[in-house]
Structures are given as C-alpha cells and as structure tokens.
C-alpha atoms as a PDB file:
ATOM      1  CA  UNK A   1      -1.548  10.100  -5.108  1.00  0.00           C
ATOM      2  CA  UNK A   2      -2.660   7.150  -7.557  1.00  0.00           C
ATOM      3  CA  UNK A   3      -2.630   5.001  -4.524  1.00  0.00           C
ATOM      4  CA  UNK A   4      -5.066   7.037  -2.624  1.00  0.00           C
ATOM      5  CA  UNK A   5      -7.475   7.340  -5.681  1.00  0.00           C
ATOM      6  CA  UNK A   6      -7.472   4.111  -6.259  1.00  0.00           C
ATOM      7  CA  UNK A   7      -8.338   3.096  -2.907  1.00  0.00           C
ATOM      8  CA  UNK A   8     -11.104   5.808  -2.821  1.00  0.00           C
ATOM      9  CA  UNK A   9     -12.499   4.697  -6.402  1.00  0.00           C
ATOM     10  CA  UNK A  10     -12.268   0.472  -5.464  1.00  0.00           C
ATOM     11  CA  UNK A  11     -14.586   1.749  -1.759  1.00  0.00           C
ATOM     12  CA  UNK A  12     -16.717   3.041  -4.465  1.00  0.00           C
ATOM     13  CA  UNK A  13     -17.692  -0.151  -6.499  1.00  0.00           C
ATOM     14  CA  UNK A  14     -20.756  -1.727  -6.097  1.00  0.00           C
ATOM     15  CA  UNK A  15     -20.164  -5.086  -4.571  1.00  0.00           C
ATOM     16  CA  UNK A  16     -23.424  -6.256  -4.999  1.00  0.00           C
ATOM     17  CA  UNK A  17     -22.824  -6.307  -8.840  1.00  0.00           C
ATOM     18  CA  UNK A  18     -19.294  -7.842  -8.460  1.00  0.00           C
ATOM     19  CA  UNK A  19     -21.115 -10.569  -6.748  1.00  0.00           C
ATOM     20  CA  UNK A  20     -23.587 -11.299  -9.661  1.00  0.00           C
ATOM     21  CA  UNK A  21     -20.712 -10.820 -12.072  1.00  0.00           C
ATOM     22  CA  UNK A  22     -18.883 -13.970 -10.114  1.00  0.00           C
ATOM     23  CA  UNK A  23     -22.641 -15.619  -9.940  1.00  0.00           C
ATOM     24  CA  UNK A  24     -23.504 -14.989 -13.481  1.00  0.00           C
ATOM     25  CA  UNK A  25     -20.092 -16.661 -14.320  1.00  0.00           C
ATOM     26  CA  UNK A  26     -19.936 -19.242 -11.984  1.00  0.00           C
ATOM     27  CA  UNK A  27     -23.197 -20.590 -13.185  1.00  0.00           C
ATOM     28  CA  UNK A  28     -23.181 -20.189 -16.848  1.00  0.00           C
ATOM     29  CA  UNK A  29     -19.376 -21.185 -17.178  1.00  0.00           C
ATOM     30  CA  UNK A  30     -18.660 -23.470 -13.888  1.00  0.00           C
ATOM     31  CA  UNK A  31     -22.088 -25.706 -13.884  1.00  0.00           C
ATOM     32  CA  UNK A  32     -23.718 -25.096 -17.319  1.00  0.00           C
ATOM     33  CA  UNK A  33     -20.160 -25.689 -19.065  1.00  0.00           C
ATOM     34  CA  UNK A  34     -21.031 -22.516 -21.321  1.00  0.00           C
ATOM     35  CA  UNK A  35     -18.364 -20.369 -23.072  1.00  0.00           C
ATOM     36  CA  UNK A  36     -16.503 -17.615 -21.719  1.00  0.00           C
ATOM     37  CA  UNK A  37     -15.161 -14.817 -24.021  1.00  0.00           C
ATOM     38  CA  UNK A  38     -13.121 -11.728 -22.717  1.00  0.00           C
ATOM     39  CA  UNK A  39     -11.893  -8.904 -24.221  1.00  0.00           C
ATOM     40  CA  UNK A  40     -10.378  -5.617 -24.077  1.00  0.00           C
ATOM     41  CA  UNK A  41      -8.059  -3.295 -25.672  1.00  0.00           C
ATOM     42  CA  UNK A  42      -4.399  -2.509 -24.583  1.00  0.00           C
ATOM     43  CA  UNK A  43      -4.636  -2.086 -20.818  1.00  0.00           C
ATOM     44  CA  UNK A  44      -7.379  -3.918 -20.771  1.00  0.00           C
ATOM     45  CA  UNK A  45      -6.564  -6.203 -22.939  1.00  0.00           C
ATOM     46  CA  UNK A  46      -3.686  -7.318 -20.471  1.00  0.00           C
ATOM     47  CA  UNK A  47      -6.792  -7.629 -18.182  1.00  0.00           C
ATOM     48  CA  UNK A  48      -8.916  -9.746 -20.383  1.00  0.00           C
ATOM     49  CA  UNK A  49      -5.964 -11.653 -20.785  1.00  0.00           C
ATOM     50  CA  UNK A  50      -5.009 -11.863 -17.062  1.00  0.00           C
ATOM     51  CA  UNK A  51      -8.604 -12.347 -16.446  1.00  0.00           C
ATOM     52  CA  UNK A  52      -8.649 -15.389 -18.575  1.00  0.00           C
ATOM     53  CA  UNK A  53      -5.545 -16.988 -16.586  1.00  0.00           C
ATOM     54  CA  UNK A  54      -7.068 -16.842 -13.741  1.00  0.00           C
ATOM     55  CA  UNK A  55     -10.558 -18.514 -14.173  1.00  0.00           C
ATOM     56  CA  UNK A  56      -9.075 -21.145 -16.785  1.00  0.00           C
ATOM     57  CA  UNK A  57      -6.899 -21.938 -13.885  1.00  0.00           C
ATOM     58  CA  UNK A  58      -9.942 -22.574 -11.629  1.00  0.00           C
ATOM     59  CA  UNK A  59     -11.232 -24.860 -14.662  1.00  0.00           C
ATOM     60  CA  UNK A  60      -8.046 -27.295 -14.133  1.00  0.00           C
ATOM     61  CA  UNK A  61      -8.235 -27.174 -10.369  1.00  0.00           C
ATOM     62  CA  UNK A  62     -11.752 -28.313 -10.698  1.00  0.00           C
ATOM     63  CA  UNK A  63     -10.358 -30.563 -12.862  1.00  0.00           C
ATOM     64  CA  UNK A  64     -13.362 -28.692 -15.102  1.00  0.00           C
ATOM     65  CA  UNK A  65     -13.497 -28.806 -19.286  1.00  0.00           C
ATOM     66  CA  UNK A  66     -13.707 -24.858 -19.022  1.00  0.00           C
ATOM     67  CA  UNK A  67     -13.773 -22.702 -22.063  1.00  0.00           C
ATOM     68  CA  UNK A  68     -12.610 -19.468 -21.610  1.00  0.00           C
ATOM     69  CA  UNK A  69     -11.176 -17.261 -24.515  1.00  0.00           C
ATOM     70  CA  UNK A  70      -9.453 -13.659 -24.659  1.00  0.00           C
ATOM     71  CA  UNK A  71     -10.374 -12.792 -27.833  1.00  0.00           C
ATOM     72  CA  UNK A  72      -7.866 -11.581 -29.981  1.00  0.00           C
ATOM     73  CA  UNK A  73      -4.898 -13.108 -28.354  1.00  0.00           C
ATOM     74  CA  UNK A  74      -4.699 -15.547 -31.893  1.00  0.00           C
ATOM     75  CA  UNK A  75      -2.363 -12.326 -33.565  1.00  0.00           C
ATOM     76  CA  UNK A  76      -2.350 -14.083 -36.594  1.00  0.00           C
ATOM     77  CA  UNK A  77      -6.252 -14.137 -36.794  1.00  0.00           C
ATOM     78  CA  UNK A  78      -6.066 -10.664 -35.559  1.00  0.00           C
ATOM     79  CA  UNK A  79      -4.497  -9.298 -38.064  1.00  0.00           C
ATOM     80  CA  UNK A  80      -5.867 -11.215 -40.609  1.00  0.00           C
ATOM     81  CA  UNK A  81      -9.328 -10.161 -40.020  1.00  0.00           C
ATOM     82  CA  UNK A  82      -8.375  -6.921 -39.358  1.00  0.00           C
ATOM     83  CA  UNK A  83      -6.490  -7.061 -43.191  1.00  0.00           C
ATOM     84  CA  UNK A  84      -9.557  -8.665 -44.852  1.00  0.00           C
ATOM     85  CA  UNK A  85     -12.643  -6.743 -43.139  1.00  0.00           C
ATOM     86  CA  UNK A  86     -11.381  -4.113 -40.687  1.00  0.00           C
ATOM     87  CA  UNK A  87      -9.912  -3.604 -37.076  1.00  0.00           C
ATOM     88  CA  UNK A  88     -13.616  -3.167 -36.182  1.00  0.00           C
ATOM     89  CA  UNK A  89     -14.625  -6.428 -36.095  1.00  0.00           C
ATOM     90  CA  UNK A  90     -11.521  -8.175 -34.851  1.00  0.00           C
ATOM     91  CA  UNK A  91     -13.285  -9.798 -31.816  1.00  0.00           C
ATOM     92  CA  UNK A  92     -16.859 -10.261 -33.201  1.00  0.00           C
ATOM     93  CA  UNK A  93     -15.404 -12.160 -36.193  1.00  0.00           C
ATOM     94  CA  UNK A  94     -13.501 -14.709 -33.684  1.00  0.00           C
ATOM     95  CA  UNK A  95     -16.707 -14.296 -31.363  1.00  0.00           C
ATOM     96  CA  UNK A  96     -19.590 -15.611 -34.544  1.00  0.00           C
ATOM     97  CA  UNK A  97     -16.837 -17.944 -35.183  1.00  0.00           C
ATOM     98  CA  UNK A  98     -16.770 -19.679 -31.757  1.00  0.00           C
ATOM     99  CA  UNK A  99     -19.731 -18.541 -29.495  1.00  0.00           C
ATOM    100  CA  UNK A 100     -23.335 -20.186 -29.325  1.00  0.00           C
ATOM    101  CA  UNK A 101     -26.315 -19.074 -27.992  1.00  0.00           C
ATOM    102  CA  UNK A 102     -26.262 -18.583 -23.814  1.00  0.00           C
ATOM    103  CA  UNK A 103     -22.306 -18.325 -23.771  1.00  0.00           C
ATOM    104  CA  UNK A 104     -21.131 -14.855 -22.255  1.00  0.00           C
ATOM    105  CA  UNK A 105     -18.694 -11.951 -23.339  1.00  0.00           C
ATOM    106  CA  UNK A 106     -16.816 -10.022 -21.033  1.00  0.00           C
ATOM    107  CA  UNK A 107     -15.717  -6.500 -22.260  1.00  0.00           C
ATOM    108  CA  UNK A 108     -13.477  -4.437 -20.944  1.00  0.00           C
ATOM    109  CA  UNK A 109     -12.683  -0.809 -21.791  1.00  0.00           C
ATOM    110  CA  UNK A 110     -11.969   2.146 -20.356  1.00  0.00           C
ATOM    111  CA  UNK A 111     -13.807   4.394 -22.658  1.00  0.00           C
ATOM    112  CA  UNK A 112     -16.304   2.502 -23.420  1.00  0.00           C
ATOM    113  CA  UNK A 113     -16.058   3.801 -26.860  1.00  0.00           C
ATOM    114  CA  UNK A 114     -14.249   1.546 -28.874  1.00  0.00           C
ATOM    115  CA  UNK A 115     -15.594   0.078 -32.086  1.00  0.00           C
ATOM    116  CA  UNK A 116     -14.111  -3.197 -31.906  1.00  0.00           C
ATOM    117  CA  UNK A 117     -15.482  -3.741 -28.621  1.00  0.00           C
ATOM    118  CA  UNK A 118     -19.357  -2.134 -29.185  1.00  0.00           C
ATOM    119  CA  UNK A 119     -19.032  -4.082 -32.767  1.00  0.00           C
ATOM    120  CA  UNK A 120     -18.302  -7.851 -30.246  1.00  0.00           C
ATOM    121  CA  UNK A 121     -21.108  -6.975 -28.105  1.00  0.00           C
ATOM    122  CA  UNK A 122     -23.813  -5.922 -30.858  1.00  0.00           C
ATOM    123  CA  UNK A 123     -22.642  -9.344 -32.075  1.00  0.00           C
ATOM    124  CA  UNK A 124     -22.794 -11.062 -29.198  1.00  0.00           C
ATOM    125  CA  UNK A 125     -26.260  -9.599 -28.123  1.00  0.00           C
ATOM    126  CA  UNK A 126     -27.569 -10.281 -32.551  1.00  0.00           C
ATOM    127  CA  UNK A 127     -26.380 -14.196 -31.422  1.00  0.00           C
ATOM    128  CA  UNK A 128     -28.068 -14.790 -27.919  1.00  0.00           C
ATOM    129  CA  UNK A 129     -24.532 -14.789 -26.198  1.00  0.00           C
ATOM    130  CA  UNK A 130     -25.141 -12.559 -23.010  1.00  0.00           C
ATOM    131  CA  UNK A 131     -23.316  -9.407 -22.449  1.00  0.00           C
ATOM    132  CA  UNK A 132     -21.358  -8.345 -19.347  1.00  0.00           C
ATOM    133  CA  UNK A 133     -18.974  -5.475 -19.284  1.00  0.00           C
ATOM    134  CA  UNK A 134     -16.661  -3.778 -17.008  1.00  0.00           C
ATOM    135  CA  UNK A 135     -16.741   0.601 -18.124  1.00  0.00           C
ATOM    136  CA  UNK A 136     -14.021   3.605 -17.165  1.00  0.00           C
ATOM    137  CA  UNK A 137     -15.651   6.606 -18.262  1.00  0.00           C
ATOM    138  CA  UNK A 138     -19.095   8.643 -18.225  1.00  0.00           C
ATOM    139  CA  UNK A 139     -20.680   8.719 -21.328  1.00  0.00           C
ATOM    140  CA  UNK A 140     -20.016   5.277 -22.545  1.00  0.00           C
ATOM    141  CA  UNK A 141     -21.788   3.372 -25.305  1.00  0.00           C
ATOM    142  CA  UNK A 142     -20.748   0.222 -24.033  1.00  0.00           C
ATOM    143  CA  UNK A 143     -22.490   0.523 -20.826  1.00  0.00           C
ATOM    144  CA  UNK A 144     -25.694   0.754 -22.142  1.00  0.00           C
ATOM    145  CA  UNK A 145     -25.690  -2.116 -24.649  1.00  0.00           C
ATOM    146  CA  UNK A 146     -24.447  -4.743 -22.264  1.00  0.00           C
ATOM    147  CA  UNK A 147     -26.756  -6.889 -20.177  1.00  0.00           C
ATOM    148  CA  UNK A 148     -24.651  -6.461 -17.146  1.00  0.00           C
ATOM    149  CA  UNK A 149     -22.474  -3.144 -16.339  1.00  0.00           C
ATOM    150  CA  UNK A 150     -19.896  -1.879 -13.742  1.00  0.00           C
ATOM    151  CA  UNK A 151     -19.688   1.291 -14.851  1.00  0.00           C
ATOM    152  CA  UNK A 152     -16.884   3.785 -12.841  1.00  0.00           C
ATOM    153  CA  UNK A 153     -18.199   6.476 -14.281  1.00  0.00           C
ATOM    154  CA  UNK A 154     -14.975   8.112 -14.058  1.00  0.00           C
ATOM    155  CA  UNK A 155     -13.731  11.449 -16.023  1.00  0.00           C
ATOM    156  CA  UNK A 156     -12.333  10.767 -19.795  1.00  0.00           C
ATOM    157  CA  UNK A 157      -8.541   9.952 -20.057  1.00  0.00           C
ATOM    158  CA  UNK A 158      -8.182   8.577 -16.333  1.00  0.00           C
ATOM    159  CA  UNK A 159      -6.778   5.020 -17.994  1.00  0.00           C
ATOM    160  CA  UNK A 160      -4.452   4.378 -15.029  1.00  0.00           C
ATOM    161  CA  UNK A 161      -7.125   4.749 -12.060  1.00  0.00           C
ATOM    162  CA  UNK A 162      -9.869   2.227 -14.923  1.00  0.00           C
ATOM    163  CA  UNK A 163      -7.611  -0.026 -15.175  1.00  0.00           C
ATOM    164  CA  UNK A 164      -6.421  -0.819 -12.015  1.00  0.00           C
ATOM    165  CA  UNK A 165      -9.288  -0.565 -10.425  1.00  0.00           C
ATOM    166  CA  UNK A 166     -11.187  -3.253 -13.439  1.00  0.00           C
ATOM    167  CA  UNK A 167      -7.940  -5.340 -12.417  1.00  0.00           C
ATOM    168  CA  UNK A 168      -8.686  -5.414  -8.890  1.00  0.00           C
ATOM    169  CA  UNK A 169     -12.835  -6.129  -9.828  1.00  0.00           C
ATOM    170  CA  UNK A 170     -11.415  -9.119 -11.852  1.00  0.00           C
ATOM    171  CA  UNK A 171      -9.648 -10.413  -8.866  1.00  0.00           C
ATOM    172  CA  UNK A 172     -12.088 -10.344  -6.866  1.00  0.00           C
ATOM    173  CA  UNK A 173     -14.625 -12.165  -9.146  1.00  0.00           C
ATOM    174  CA  UNK A 174     -12.002 -14.717  -9.513  1.00  0.00           C
ATOM    175  CA  UNK A 175     -11.709 -14.855  -5.899  1.00  0.00           C
ATOM    176  CA  UNK A 176     -15.485 -15.213  -5.130  1.00  0.00           C
ATOM    177  CA  UNK A 177     -15.783 -17.983  -8.086  1.00  0.00           C
ATOM    178  CA  UNK A 178     -12.770 -19.995  -6.898  1.00  0.00           C
ATOM    179  CA  UNK A 179     -13.830 -19.413  -2.765  1.00  0.00           C
ATOM    180  CA  UNK A 180     -17.542 -20.948  -3.768  1.00  0.00           C
ATOM    181  CA  UNK A 181     -15.941 -24.059  -6.162  1.00  0.00           C
ATOM    182  CA  UNK A 182     -12.617 -25.058  -4.668  1.00  0.00           C
ATOM    183  CA  UNK A 183     -12.217 -26.239  -0.740  1.00  0.00           C
ATOM    184  CA  UNK A 184      -9.573 -23.519   1.286  1.00  0.00           C
ATOM    185  CA  UNK A 185      -6.192 -25.616   0.837  1.00  0.00           C
ATOM    186  CA  UNK A 186      -5.404 -24.013   4.524  1.00  0.00           C
ATOM    187  CA  UNK A 187      -7.809 -25.799   6.512  1.00  0.00           C
END
C-alpha cells in the first residue's frame, strides 16, 4: 500500500541533510536577506509553490521582507520565454533577471533529468547562486550539479512516492525554520 511505502521512505531520509537545508535557508534568506527561488515541473511545481507559500508566511509573521519566488508562477512570462526562446529556458531566464550572487535556488525534480531544471541550475551556478535540490530517482543529473542535494534514489517512474516524500521534506524544512525563528504560540 502507498501509505506504507511513504512511511518506509520517510524513515530513510537523512534528517541531518534536512536540518542542513533548513539551516542554510534560514541563514541565507531570513537572516542575511538573500532571495530564494524555487522551481519544479508538474507535481514538483505544486510542491515548489506550496513551499514558497509556507516560507513567505514565515517571513510575514516575522515582519521580514523576504524575497521568495516560485519560478514559473507568472504564466504570461513563462509562455513568452518558451515561445521566444525555448521551453528549456523558462526558469533560467527568469532567474537570470531576478537573481544575484549569494541567493539560493531550490530545485525539485522527481526524475532529476528535466532540461529546464538542469538549465536553471547551470545558470544559477554560473551566477554564483547557491543550488539545493530534492531528487527522486536514481542516476539523476540534477543530484550531481547542485551544491546540496537530498536524493531519494527511487526507481524511475515512482512519481507519487517521490512527490509525497518531497512534500514532507519541504514541510519539515519550513517547520524547522519556523520553530527556530518564531515563538511557540502555545506557550
């Protein structure tokens, strides 16, 4: 059953890496004021959008002017870039326009093989933007091109499992950041 597979896979996630992700994002975005850019395709885009919402809400609660962007959220811009250049550049062109050295790109991809995600990470690396990724499947190009990666090493095609675990990782990162920056309202 799917629930059992998700539970088992969550037990295999390296919690030290999850803590490293949270610490890095907290430091760069919430303490140093750098920008965070998040990208993904399909289900991973939905996770990226949800993750940027959770982190933006933390910034609002802190009264902090956080710059957190889900690349590809501007449909008009994405289709213009796709039409005028190529679909492979929909995230990288937007990142090139908005990003600066020292910012952070957080890429989410089950396959880790999508050309638009790989191009975006390549652009980020060239601009001096820190790269982090969540990858689902074995033999991913994305895992080796990012500065910090959580790679689930699942068999290719196991999208539902990868997406559920990636979503849980993003929630964990958000909760770790929130818990370290905001007082517990229950106390």
